[in-house]
Amino acid sequence: MLANFQQVGRDLFISGLISSHGGNLSVIRKDRIFITRSGAMLGRLQEGDVVETGLAVDDGDYALASSELIVHRAIYKHTGAGAVLHAHPPYTVALSFQNNAIQPVDSEAKYLLDSVPVISARETIGSPEVARKIPAVLKECPVAVLRGHGTFAIGDTLEQALQYTTSLELASKIIWLQQLGGKCGN
């Protein structure tokens, strides 16, 4: 399992979708969540950087888990997800300040994603408000944006959640460049 976390974490970091210590990953197996620990470097995950705790109870290494554990738990409880990926993709975050949804214009992203909702919250990091809002959105769309903070994507696997995250970020970059190009042409 660690090797899978390492691959996805490294891809996120190399792609510029997280900072050195940003983002988090998790998978669920029955009633157990395996989640990156708080402050882990996803691009350099090692033994001890993925911790185990219960879906419904604070046991095992829950005190070491990412501050987003509350959100991951809520997502698992209210969706059929097998994996959750939280990232901070810069173009997507930039567009989140201006939009209530991100509508891909490129063919590849449109193939995977429809309109991606942008959700607002007073407290964006590991809050009960986010844990209430994000799962409902993820029932309809495999990725959602938390305004000014980042994305939460779900999938059967971490790779699938990564696909949704990277597709959205590329779509956001294309939208950004399209808007910039339109302004330069005037």
Foldseek 3Di string as FASTA:
>chain_A
DQVQQQVLLLVCVVVVFAPQQDKKKWFDDDQKIWIAFHRHRSNDDDPPRTWIQGLPDGDGVNVRHHLQSLQVSLLVVQAVFGMKIWTRQPLVLVVLVVDQWQAFDDDVLVVQWGIAGEDEDPDDGNDVVNSVPVNVSCNPTQKHHHHNGTMMGTDNGSVVSSVNRVSVSVSSVVVVVVVVVVVVVD
